[in-house]
């Protein structure tokens, strides 16, 4: 991954970036990557090549968080084979 040094960054921007990173539970570097991807219109889709399943899941969660979408976790019962297929299971 490339390295970038930013000089003379506005203190308020850095504080805002740190706050966003904290809210999203990630590092400032990860948050900055996310902000830049969004600003450049290159959000990572779920089918992006070269990403692990964990990275794809994280990118989708980040995209939902940026757009204010909250997806509640499903219970084990909700996704069980019996619940989904019923008697056909």
N, C-alpha and C. Protein backbone atom coordinates (compact mmCIF):
# COMPACT_ATOMS: atom_id res chain seq x y z
N UNK A 1 0.85 -1.18 0.00
CA UNK A 1 0.00 0.00 0.00
C UNK A 1 0.90 1.24 0.00
N UNK A 2 0.50 2.25 -0.72
CA UNK A 2 1.28 3.48 -0.84
C UNK A 2 1.22 4.28 0.46
N UNK A 3 2.23 5.10 0.65
CA UNK A 3 2.27 5.99 1.81
C UNK A 3 2.11 7.42 1.33
N UNK A 4 1.44 8.23 2.15
CA UNK A 4 1.20 9.62 1.81
C UNK A 4 1.40 10.46 3.06
N UNK A 5 2.18 11.51 2.93
CA UNK A 5 2.39 12.43 4.05
C UNK A 5 1.65 13.73 3.72
N UNK A 6 0.80 14.16 4.65
CA UNK A 6 0.04 15.39 4.44
C UNK A 6 0.57 16.45 5.40
N UNK A 7 1.09 17.51 4.84
CA UNK A 7 1.58 18.62 5.65
C UNK A 7 0.54 19.73 5.65
N UNK A 8 0.51 20.47 6.74
CA UNK A 8 -0.37 21.63 6.88
C UNK A 8 -1.85 21.27 6.80
N UNK A 9 -2.20 20.13 7.38
CA UNK A 9 -3.60 19.72 7.43
C UNK A 9 -4.31 20.56 8.49
N UNK A 10 -5.44 21.09 8.14
CA UNK A 10 -6.23 21.90 9.05
C UNK A 10 -6.56 21.08 10.31
N UNK A 11 -6.32 21.67 11.48
CA UNK A 11 -6.56 20.97 12.75
C UNK A 11 -8.01 20.50 12.88
N UNK A 12 -8.95 21.29 12.39
CA UNK A 12 -10.36 20.91 12.47
C UNK A 12 -10.65 19.69 11.60
N UNK A 13 -10.01 19.61 10.43
CA UNK A 13 -10.19 18.44 9.57
C UNK A 13 -9.68 17.18 10.24
N UNK A 14 -8.53 17.30 10.88
CA UNK A 14 -7.96 16.13 11.56
C UNK A 14 -8.87 15.69 12.71
N UNK A 15 -9.40 16.64 13.48
CA UNK A 15 -10.32 16.30 14.57
C UNK A 15 -11.57 15.62 14.03
N UNK A 16 -12.12 16.16 12.94
CA UNK A 16 -13.30 15.56 12.33
C UNK A 16 -13.02 14.14 11.84
N UNK A 17 -11.86 13.95 11.23
CA UNK A 17 -11.47 12.64 10.74
C UNK A 17 -11.30 11.66 11.89
N UNK A 18 -10.67 12.09 12.96
CA UNK A 18 -10.50 11.25 14.15
C UNK A 18 -11.85 10.88 14.75
N UNK A 19 -12.77 11.84 14.78
CA UNK A 19 -14.11 11.59 15.32
C UNK A 19 -14.85 10.56 14.47
N UNK A 20 -14.79 10.73 13.15
CA UNK A 20 -15.44 9.77 12.24
C UNK A 20 -14.85 8.38 12.39
N UNK A 21 -13.54 8.31 12.49
CA UNK A 21 -12.87 7.01 12.65
C UNK A 21 -13.34 6.34 13.94
N UNK A 22 -13.44 7.10 14.99
CA UNK A 22 -13.90 6.57 16.26
C UNK A 22 -15.34 6.06 16.16
N UNK A 23 -16.19 6.82 15.50
CA UNK A 23 -17.60 6.41 15.33
C UNK A 23 -17.72 5.12 14.51
N UNK A 24 -16.83 4.97 13.54
CA UNK A 24 -16.87 3.79 12.67
C UNK A 24 -16.02 2.65 13.20
N UNK A 25 -15.36 2.87 14.33
CA UNK A 25 -14.56 1.81 14.93
C UNK A 25 -13.35 1.41 14.11
N UNK A 26 -12.70 2.39 13.49
CA UNK A 26 -11.53 2.08 12.68
C UNK A 26 -10.44 3.12 12.92
N UNK A 27 -9.30 2.90 12.29
CA UNK A 27 -8.18 3.83 12.44
C UNK A 27 -8.41 5.06 11.57
N UNK A 28 -7.65 6.11 11.85
CA UNK A 28 -7.73 7.33 11.04
C UNK A 28 -7.35 7.01 9.59
N UNK A 29 -6.35 6.15 9.40
CA UNK A 29 -5.93 5.79 8.06
C UNK A 29 -7.04 5.08 7.29
N UNK A 30 -7.72 4.14 7.97
CA UNK A 30 -8.83 3.43 7.32
C UNK A 30 -9.97 4.39 6.98
N UNK A 31 -10.25 5.30 7.90
CA UNK A 31 -11.33 6.26 7.66
C UNK A 31 -10.97 7.18 6.49
N UNK A 32 -9.72 7.62 6.44
CA UNK A 32 -9.29 8.49 5.34
C UNK A 32 -9.41 7.75 4.00
N UNK A 33 -9.02 6.48 3.96
CA UNK A 33 -9.18 5.69 2.74
C UNK A 33 -10.65 5.64 2.33
N UNK A 34 -11.52 5.44 3.30
CA UNK A 34 -12.96 5.37 3.03
C UNK A 34 -13.48 6.70 2.49
N UNK A 35 -13.08 7.79 3.11
CA UNK A 35 -13.52 9.12 2.68
C UNK A 35 -13.03 9.41 1.27
N UNK A 36 -11.78 9.07 1.00
CA UNK A 36 -11.23 9.32 -0.34
C UNK A 36 -11.93 8.46 -1.40
N UNK A 37 -12.18 7.18 -1.08
CA UNK A 37 -12.90 6.32 -2.02
C UNK A 37 -14.26 6.91 -2.35
N UNK A 38 -14.97 7.36 -1.31
CA UNK A 38 -16.30 7.92 -1.52
C UNK A 38 -16.20 9.21 -2.33
N UNK A 39 -15.27 10.07 -1.99
CA UNK A 39 -15.12 11.34 -2.68
C UNK A 39 -14.76 11.15 -4.16
N UNK A 40 -14.02 10.11 -4.43
CA UNK A 40 -13.61 9.84 -5.81
C UNK A 40 -14.62 8.98 -6.56
N UNK A 41 -15.71 8.63 -5.89
CA UNK A 41 -16.75 7.85 -6.54
C UNK A 41 -16.36 6.43 -6.84
N UNK A 42 -15.46 5.86 -6.02
CA UNK A 42 -14.99 4.50 -6.27
C UNK A 42 -15.28 3.61 -5.08
N UNK A 43 -16.51 3.60 -4.60
CA UNK A 43 -16.86 2.72 -3.50
C UNK A 43 -16.66 1.28 -3.94
N UNK A 44 -16.14 0.49 -3.04
CA UNK A 44 -15.86 -0.91 -3.36
C UNK A 44 -17.17 -1.69 -3.36
N UNK A 45 -17.42 -2.37 -4.44
CA UNK A 45 -18.64 -3.18 -4.51
C UNK A 45 -18.39 -4.53 -3.87
N UNK A 46 -19.45 -5.22 -3.57
CA UNK A 46 -19.35 -6.53 -2.92
C UNK A 46 -18.61 -7.52 -3.80
N UNK A 47 -18.60 -7.31 -5.10
CA UNK A 47 -17.97 -8.26 -6.01
C UNK A 47 -16.58 -7.82 -6.47
N UNK A 48 -15.95 -6.90 -5.76
CA UNK A 48 -14.62 -6.44 -6.17
C UNK A 48 -13.63 -7.60 -6.14
N UNK A 49 -12.86 -7.76 -7.20
CA UNK A 49 -11.89 -8.85 -7.24
C UNK A 49 -10.73 -8.59 -6.28
N UNK A 50 -10.17 -9.67 -5.78
CA UNK A 50 -8.99 -9.56 -4.94
C UNK A 50 -9.26 -9.32 -3.47
N UNK A 51 -10.50 -9.17 -3.06
CA UNK A 51 -10.81 -8.96 -1.65
C UNK A 51 -11.19 -10.27 -0.99
N UNK A 52 -10.79 -10.42 0.26
CA UNK A 52 -11.21 -11.58 1.03
C UNK A 52 -12.68 -11.39 1.41
N UNK A 53 -13.36 -12.45 1.79
CA UNK A 53 -14.75 -12.29 2.25
C UNK A 53 -14.87 -11.30 3.41
N UNK A 54 -13.89 -11.31 4.31
CA UNK A 54 -13.92 -10.38 5.44
C UNK A 54 -13.79 -8.93 4.96
N UNK A 55 -12.90 -8.69 3.97
CA UNK A 55 -12.73 -7.35 3.44
C UNK A 55 -13.98 -6.87 2.71
N UNK A 56 -14.63 -7.79 1.96
CA UNK A 56 -15.87 -7.43 1.28
C UNK A 56 -16.96 -7.09 2.28
N UNK A 57 -17.07 -7.89 3.34
CA UNK A 57 -18.08 -7.62 4.38
C UNK A 57 -17.82 -6.28 5.03
N UNK A 58 -16.56 -5.99 5.31
CA UNK A 58 -16.21 -4.71 5.94
C UNK A 58 -16.55 -3.55 5.01
N UNK A 59 -16.27 -3.68 3.72
CA UNK A 59 -16.54 -2.59 2.79
C UNK A 59 -18.04 -2.33 2.67
N UNK A 60 -18.84 -3.40 2.70
CA UNK A 60 -20.29 -3.23 2.62
C UNK A 60 -20.80 -2.55 3.89
N UNK A 61 -20.29 -2.98 5.05
CA UNK A 61 -20.70 -2.35 6.32
C UNK A 61 -20.32 -0.88 6.34
N UNK A 62 -19.13 -0.56 5.85
CA UNK A 62 -18.69 0.85 5.80
C UNK A 62 -19.60 1.66 4.87
N UNK A 63 -19.97 1.07 3.73
CA UNK A 63 -20.85 1.77 2.81
C UNK A 63 -22.20 2.04 3.45
N UNK A 64 -22.76 1.03 4.14
CA UNK A 64 -24.03 1.21 4.84
C UNK A 64 -23.90 2.30 5.90
N UNK A 65 -22.80 2.29 6.65
CA UNK A 65 -22.60 3.29 7.71
C UNK A 65 -22.53 4.70 7.13
N UNK A 66 -21.86 4.86 5.99
CA UNK A 66 -21.75 6.18 5.37
C UNK A 66 -23.12 6.71 4.95
N UNK A 67 -24.01 5.81 4.58
CA UNK A 67 -25.32 6.22 4.12
C UNK A 67 -26.39 6.15 5.21
N UNK A 68 -25.97 5.90 6.43
CA UNK A 68 -26.89 5.87 7.56
C UNK A 68 -27.81 4.67 7.59
N UNK A 69 -27.42 3.59 6.93
CA UNK A 69 -28.24 2.37 6.93
C UNK A 69 -27.78 1.48 8.06
N UNK A 70 -28.71 1.10 8.92
CA UNK A 70 -28.40 0.20 10.03
C UNK A 70 -29.06 -1.14 9.76
N UNK A 71 -28.26 -2.18 9.69
CA UNK A 71 -28.77 -3.52 9.44
C UNK A 71 -28.63 -4.33 10.72
N UNK A 72 -29.77 -4.70 11.33
CA UNK A 72 -29.69 -5.47 12.57
C UNK A 72 -29.19 -6.88 12.30
N UNK A 73 -28.43 -7.45 13.23
CA UNK A 73 -27.97 -8.82 13.03
C UNK A 73 -29.15 -9.79 13.12
N UNK A 74 -29.08 -10.86 12.37
CA UNK A 74 -30.13 -11.87 12.39
C UNK A 74 -29.81 -12.93 13.44
N UNK A 75 -30.84 -13.44 14.07
CA UNK A 75 -30.64 -14.49 15.07
C UNK A 75 -30.31 -15.80 14.36
N UNK A 76 -29.77 -16.76 15.11
CA UNK A 76 -29.48 -18.07 14.54
C UNK A 76 -30.77 -18.73 14.03
N UNK A 77 -31.86 -18.52 14.76
CA UNK A 77 -33.14 -19.10 14.35
C UNK A 77 -33.60 -18.51 13.01
N UNK A 78 -33.42 -17.21 12.84
CA UNK A 78 -33.88 -16.55 11.62
C UNK A 78 -33.18 -17.07 10.38
N UNK A 79 -31.95 -17.54 10.53
CA UNK A 79 -31.20 -18.01 9.37
C UNK A 79 -30.99 -19.52 9.39
N UNK A 80 -31.73 -20.21 10.24
CA UNK A 80 -31.59 -21.66 10.29
C UNK A 80 -32.22 -22.30 9.05
N UNK A 81 -31.72 -23.44 8.71
CA UNK A 81 -32.24 -24.19 7.55
C UNK A 81 -33.73 -24.48 7.72
N UNK A 82 -34.11 -24.86 8.93
CA UNK A 82 -35.51 -25.20 9.20
C UNK A 82 -36.42 -23.99 8.99
N UNK A 83 -35.98 -22.82 9.43
CA UNK A 83 -36.79 -21.62 9.27
C UNK A 83 -36.92 -21.23 7.80
N UNK A 84 -35.82 -21.35 7.08
CA UNK A 84 -35.82 -20.93 5.68
C UNK A 84 -36.60 -21.91 4.80
N UNK A 85 -36.38 -23.22 4.97
CA UNK A 85 -36.98 -24.21 4.08
C UNK A 85 -38.22 -24.90 4.67
N UNK A 86 -38.42 -24.77 5.97
CA UNK A 86 -39.59 -25.39 6.59
C UNK A 86 -39.62 -26.89 6.35
N UNK A 87 -40.74 -27.38 5.93
CA UNK A 87 -40.91 -28.82 5.70
C UNK A 87 -40.14 -29.33 4.49
N UNK A 88 -39.75 -28.42 3.60
CA UNK A 88 -38.99 -28.83 2.40
C UNK A 88 -37.54 -29.12 2.74
N UNK A 89 -37.05 -28.65 3.95
CA UNK A 89 -35.68 -28.69 4.39
C UNK A 89 -34.94 -29.91 4.27
